[in-house]
Amino acid sequence: MNCLTDCDGSCCKIKKSVRAGLKEEGYTMYRSEAHFSRALLSVFNLRVPFVQRIESGVTGSGIPDLWLRWVPTEMWAELKNDPYVSINDPYWKIKWRKGQQAWAQDYRISCGRITYTIVAMRDGFIIIPMNKRYVNNLVYPHEVWRVTKLRDILSILKSESIKINFN
């Protein structure tokens, strides 16, 4: 599942020499969003009572990839994979598809809850709260959490879920 350890080069466009250099520096990358999703679900399934991957090609535009449920809350999360960027970059242009930000804002307005976008990068992950519309899909470091381990993603999401107002 990890592009640096399991890839022969046929699955991605990252040159073998670049992959080798990143592997030596301790970076983690995923071949695709599907590989990232499987790795994340392997961590979540051990710690979250219910996780559902949503394949929404026919059900609606913009619906996030994951639905997580633990008492007393549930949460939606959109997954992205971008092995060409770093968690230390000065900003990121997120590859949201048409309707994804709109769905998150409609959900926030109608349900009073925030969805999250989790982006796998070459050296870690960012977690973006979808509490606003990001103009031109640009996100800045002060707007996100940056982590280097998969298990830390769940810790942040759980701590944020405590802040949700259930009234």
Protein backbone atom coordinates (compact mmCIF):
# COMPACT_ATOMS: atom_id res chain seq x y z
CA MET A 1 0.00 0.00 0.00
CA ASN A 2 2.92 2.36 0.59
CA CYS A 3 4.30 3.71 -2.68
CA LEU A 4 7.84 3.83 -1.33
CA THR A 5 8.00 0.24 -0.16
CA ASP A 6 5.52 -1.64 -2.36
CA CYS A 7 5.77 0.10 -5.73
CA ASP A 8 7.58 -1.10 -8.82
CA GLY A 9 6.95 2.19 -10.60
CA SER A 10 4.11 0.97 -12.80
CA CYS A 11 1.38 2.37 -10.56
CA CYS A 12 2.41 6.00 -10.36
CA LYS A 13 4.23 8.73 -12.22
CA ILE A 14 6.89 9.33 -9.56
CA LYS A 15 10.33 8.53 -10.89
CA LYS A 16 12.12 5.60 -9.28
CA SER A 17 15.07 7.79 -8.24
CA VAL A 18 12.71 10.29 -6.55
CA ARG A 19 10.91 7.45 -4.70
CA ALA A 20 14.25 6.03 -3.54
CA GLY A 21 15.39 9.42 -2.23
CA LEU A 22 12.15 10.02 -0.37
CA LYS A 23 12.25 6.52 1.12
CA GLU A 24 15.75 7.18 2.48
CA GLU A 25 14.49 10.38 4.11
CA GLY A 26 11.70 8.48 5.87
CA TYR A 27 8.76 9.82 3.86
CA THR A 28 5.54 7.90 3.40
CA MET A 29 3.48 8.06 0.23
CA TYR A 30 0.48 6.21 -1.14
CA ARG A 31 -0.03 5.08 -4.72
CA SER A 32 -3.56 6.38 -4.86
CA GLU A 33 -6.43 7.62 -2.76
CA ALA A 34 -7.68 4.04 -2.59
CA HIS A 35 -4.39 2.84 -1.05
CA PHE A 36 -4.46 5.74 1.41
CA SER A 37 -8.07 4.87 2.27
CA ARG A 38 -7.20 1.23 2.99
CA ALA A 39 -4.30 2.22 5.25
CA LEU A 40 -6.43 4.75 7.13
CA LEU A 41 -9.31 2.28 7.50
CA SER A 42 -6.93 -0.31 8.95
CA VAL A 43 -6.17 2.16 11.75
CA PHE A 44 -9.75 3.40 12.16
CA ASN A 45 -11.28 -0.10 12.23
CA LEU A 46 -9.27 -0.88 15.35
CA ARG A 47 -10.41 2.25 17.20
CA VAL A 48 -13.79 3.37 15.83
CA PRO A 49 -16.92 1.25 16.39
CA PHE A 50 -18.31 1.94 12.93
CA VAL A 51 -16.57 3.20 9.79
CA GLN A 52 -18.22 3.14 6.38
CA ARG A 53 -16.46 3.88 3.09
CA ILE A 54 -18.93 5.58 0.74
CA GLU A 55 -18.71 5.00 -2.99
CA SER A 56 -21.03 7.74 -4.17
CA GLY A 57 -20.78 7.71 -7.94
CA VAL A 58 -24.54 7.45 -8.27
CA THR A 59 -25.83 8.65 -4.90
CA GLY A 60 -24.87 12.30 -5.10
CA SER A 61 -22.28 14.87 -5.97
CA GLY A 62 -19.83 15.91 -3.29
CA ILE A 63 -20.58 13.28 -0.63
CA PRO A 64 -17.42 12.59 1.44
CA ASP A 65 -15.58 9.26 1.31
CA LEU A 66 -15.97 8.10 4.92
CA TRP A 67 -18.61 8.11 7.61
CA LEU A 68 -17.31 7.50 11.15
CA ARG A 69 -19.50 6.80 14.16
CA TRP A 70 -18.57 6.70 17.80
CA VAL A 71 -20.59 7.71 20.84
CA PRO A 72 -21.70 10.44 21.15
CA THR A 73 -21.12 11.60 17.59
CA GLU A 74 -20.56 10.82 13.95
CA MET A 75 -18.41 12.55 11.38
CA TRP A 76 -17.88 12.74 7.62
CA ALA A 77 -14.38 12.80 6.10
CA GLU A 78 -13.23 13.38 2.53
CA LEU A 79 -9.91 11.74 1.56
CA LYS A 80 -7.32 13.13 -0.83
CA ASN A 81 -3.90 11.87 -1.86
CA ASP A 82 -1.20 14.20 -3.18
CA PRO A 83 2.33 12.69 -3.00
CA TYR A 84 3.86 15.71 -4.74
CA VAL A 85 3.40 18.13 -1.86
CA SER A 86 4.74 18.41 1.67
CA ILE A 87 3.07 19.20 4.97
CA ASN A 88 5.68 21.96 5.24
CA ASP A 89 4.68 23.79 2.06
CA PRO A 90 3.52 27.43 2.54
CA TYR A 91 0.04 26.58 1.18
CA TRP A 92 -1.78 23.78 -0.64
CA LYS A 93 -4.14 23.69 -3.61
CA ILE A 94 -6.52 20.87 -2.72
CA LYS A 95 -8.01 18.82 -5.55
CA TRP A 96 -11.62 19.01 -4.46
CA ARG A 97 -14.03 17.95 -7.20
CA LYS A 98 -17.00 20.03 -8.19
CA GLY A 99 -19.61 19.94 -5.45
CA GLN A 100 -17.40 18.67 -2.62
CA GLN A 101 -16.97 22.00 -0.85
CA ALA A 102 -20.62 22.86 -1.48
CA TRP A 103 -21.78 19.57 0.09
CA ALA A 104 -19.64 20.24 3.17
CA GLN A 105 -21.07 23.74 3.56
CA ASP A 106 -24.66 22.57 3.06
CA TYR A 107 -24.11 19.89 5.70
CA ARG A 108 -22.58 22.41 8.12
CA ILE A 109 -25.47 24.84 7.66
CA SER A 110 -28.26 22.24 7.87
CA CYS A 111 -26.77 19.95 10.55
CA GLY A 112 -24.49 22.30 12.49
CA ARG A 113 -21.54 19.93 12.12
CA ILE A 114 -18.25 20.18 10.31
CA THR A 115 -16.87 17.62 7.88
CA TYR A 116 -13.12 17.18 7.40
CA THR A 117 -10.80 16.64 4.47
CA ILE A 118 -7.77 14.45 5.18
CA VAL A 119 -4.93 14.78 2.68
CA ALA A 120 -2.06 12.28 2.47
CA MET A 121 1.14 14.02 1.38
CA ARG A 122 4.64 12.74 0.80
CA ASP A 123 5.75 13.36 4.38
CA GLY A 124 2.57 13.31 6.43
CA PHE A 125 -1.05 14.35 6.50
CA ILE A 126 -3.12 17.49 6.87
CA ILE A 127 -6.61 17.61 8.33
CA ILE A 128 -8.76 20.43 6.99
CA PRO A 129 -11.92 21.46 8.85
CA MET A 130 -14.58 22.26 6.27
CA ASN A 131 -15.88 25.17 8.33
CA LYS A 132 -15.70 27.58 5.40
CA ARG A 133 -15.38 27.66 1.64
CA TYR A 134 -11.73 27.68 0.55
CA VAL A 135 -11.42 30.16 -2.32
CA ASN A 136 -9.62 28.70 -5.35
CA ASN A 137 -9.16 25.50 -3.25
CA LEU A 138 -6.24 27.15 -1.43
CA VAL A 139 -5.56 26.13 2.16
CA TYR A 140 -2.93 27.65 4.47
CA PRO A 141 -1.02 26.09 7.39
CA HIS A 142 -2.83 28.12 10.08
CA GLU A 143 -6.13 26.55 8.92
CA VAL A 144 -5.15 22.87 9.36
CA TRP A 145 -3.61 20.26 11.63
CA ARG A 146 -0.40 18.66 10.38
CA VAL A 147 0.53 15.13 11.51
CA THR A 148 3.02 12.49 10.45
CA LYS A 149 1.29 9.33 11.74
CA LEU A 150 -2.01 7.78 10.69
CA ARG A 151 -3.08 7.17 14.29
CA ASP A 152 -2.75 10.89 15.05
CA ILE A 153 -5.50 11.65 12.53
CA LEU A 154 -8.05 9.80 14.64
CA SER A 155 -6.87 11.52 17.83
CA ILE A 156 -7.50 14.93 16.27
CA LEU A 157 -10.89 13.95 14.85
CA LYS A 158 -12.00 12.57 18.23
CA SER A 159 -10.84 15.69 20.08
CA GLU A 160 -12.72 17.85 17.59
CA SER A 161 -15.88 15.77 17.93
CA ILE A 162 -16.02 16.66 21.64
CA LYS A 163 -16.41 20.32 20.65
CA ILE A 164 -19.56 19.65 18.62
CA ASN A 165 -22.72 21.26 20.01
CA PHE A 166 -25.47 18.64 20.13
CA ASN A 167 -28.29 21.05 21.09
